Protein backbone atom coordinates (compact mmCIF):
# COMPACT_ATOMS: atom_id res chain seq x y z
CA UNK A 1 0.00 0.01 0.01
CA UNK A 2 1.44 3.36 -0.92
CA UNK A 3 2.00 5.87 1.88
CA UNK A 4 1.88 9.70 1.73
CA UNK A 5 5.18 11.41 1.14
CA UNK A 6 6.48 12.48 4.59
CA UNK A 7 7.55 15.97 3.59
CA UNK A 8 4.47 17.05 1.64
CA UNK A 9 1.89 15.23 3.75
CA UNK A 10 -0.16 14.38 0.66
CA UNK A 11 -2.62 11.51 0.86
CA UNK A 12 -1.74 8.29 -1.00
CA UNK A 13 -2.82 7.74 -4.62
CA UNK A 14 -5.35 4.98 -5.31
CA UNK A 15 -3.80 1.62 -6.06
CA UNK A 16 -6.41 0.84 -8.70
CA UNK A 17 -6.98 4.03 -10.70
CA UNK A 18 -4.10 6.31 -9.56
CA UNK A 19 -6.34 9.23 -8.53
CA UNK A 20 -5.60 11.00 -5.24
CA UNK A 21 -7.57 9.86 -2.18
CA UNK A 22 -9.38 11.71 0.59
CA UNK A 23 -8.90 11.05 4.32
CA UNK A 24 -12.22 9.85 5.77
CA UNK A 25 -11.09 9.11 9.26
CA UNK A 26 -8.52 7.77 11.71
CA UNK A 27 -8.46 4.84 14.06
CA UNK A 28 -6.81 5.84 17.34
CA UNK A 29 -3.99 3.93 18.94
CA UNK A 30 -5.40 1.30 21.34
CA UNK A 31 -3.06 -0.95 23.27
CA UNK A 32 -0.51 -2.37 20.90
CA UNK A 33 -2.47 -1.41 17.76
CA UNK A 34 -0.90 1.69 16.08
CA UNK A 35 -2.66 4.85 14.88
CA UNK A 36 -4.18 4.31 11.39
CA UNK A 37 -5.41 6.89 8.91
CA UNK A 38 -8.13 5.72 6.51
CA UNK A 39 -8.39 7.12 2.95
CA UNK A 40 -11.00 6.59 0.21
CA UNK A 41 -10.84 7.07 -3.56
CA UNK A 42 -14.01 8.85 -4.73
CA UNK A 43 -13.63 7.50 -8.26
CA UNK A 44 -13.55 3.77 -7.53
CA UNK A 45 -14.43 3.53 -3.83
CA UNK A 46 -11.10 1.84 -2.93
CA UNK A 47 -10.28 2.11 0.81
CA UNK A 48 -6.61 2.47 1.87
CA UNK A 49 -5.04 2.67 5.33
CA UNK A 50 -1.75 4.16 6.43
CA UNK A 51 0.14 3.71 9.70
CA UNK A 52 2.09 7.02 10.04
CA UNK A 53 4.10 5.86 13.05
CA UNK A 54 5.79 3.04 11.16
CA UNK A 55 6.65 5.49 8.32
CA UNK A 56 8.13 7.96 10.82
CA UNK A 57 10.22 5.24 12.43
CA UNK A 58 11.74 4.28 9.05
CA UNK A 59 12.56 7.92 8.36
CA UNK A 60 14.23 8.33 11.77
CA UNK A 61 16.36 5.25 11.15
CA UNK A 62 17.51 6.50 7.80
CA UNK A 63 18.27 10.02 9.02
CA UNK A 64 20.04 8.68 12.14
CA UNK A 65 22.47 6.74 10.00
CA UNK A 66 23.32 9.88 8.01
CA UNK A 67 24.16 11.99 11.06
CA UNK A 68 27.67 12.61 12.19
CA UNK A 69 28.78 10.69 15.33
CA UNK A 70 28.98 12.72 18.55
CA UNK A 71 32.40 13.60 19.99
């Protein structure tokens, strides 16, 4: 499932028709289940979900490797 670009914050494109989606809601974090944003394509009614926390963790790992070590 495609995720929105972290810098622009744009919603994902539909996997079926490629048209942009609209955020229709979010499922809050409960226990071990992460926060999930839910998007819908108006053209073909495809539902997509994105877990922003997992995406942010991957970005942090990549940027942490590029940083200079502390002295």
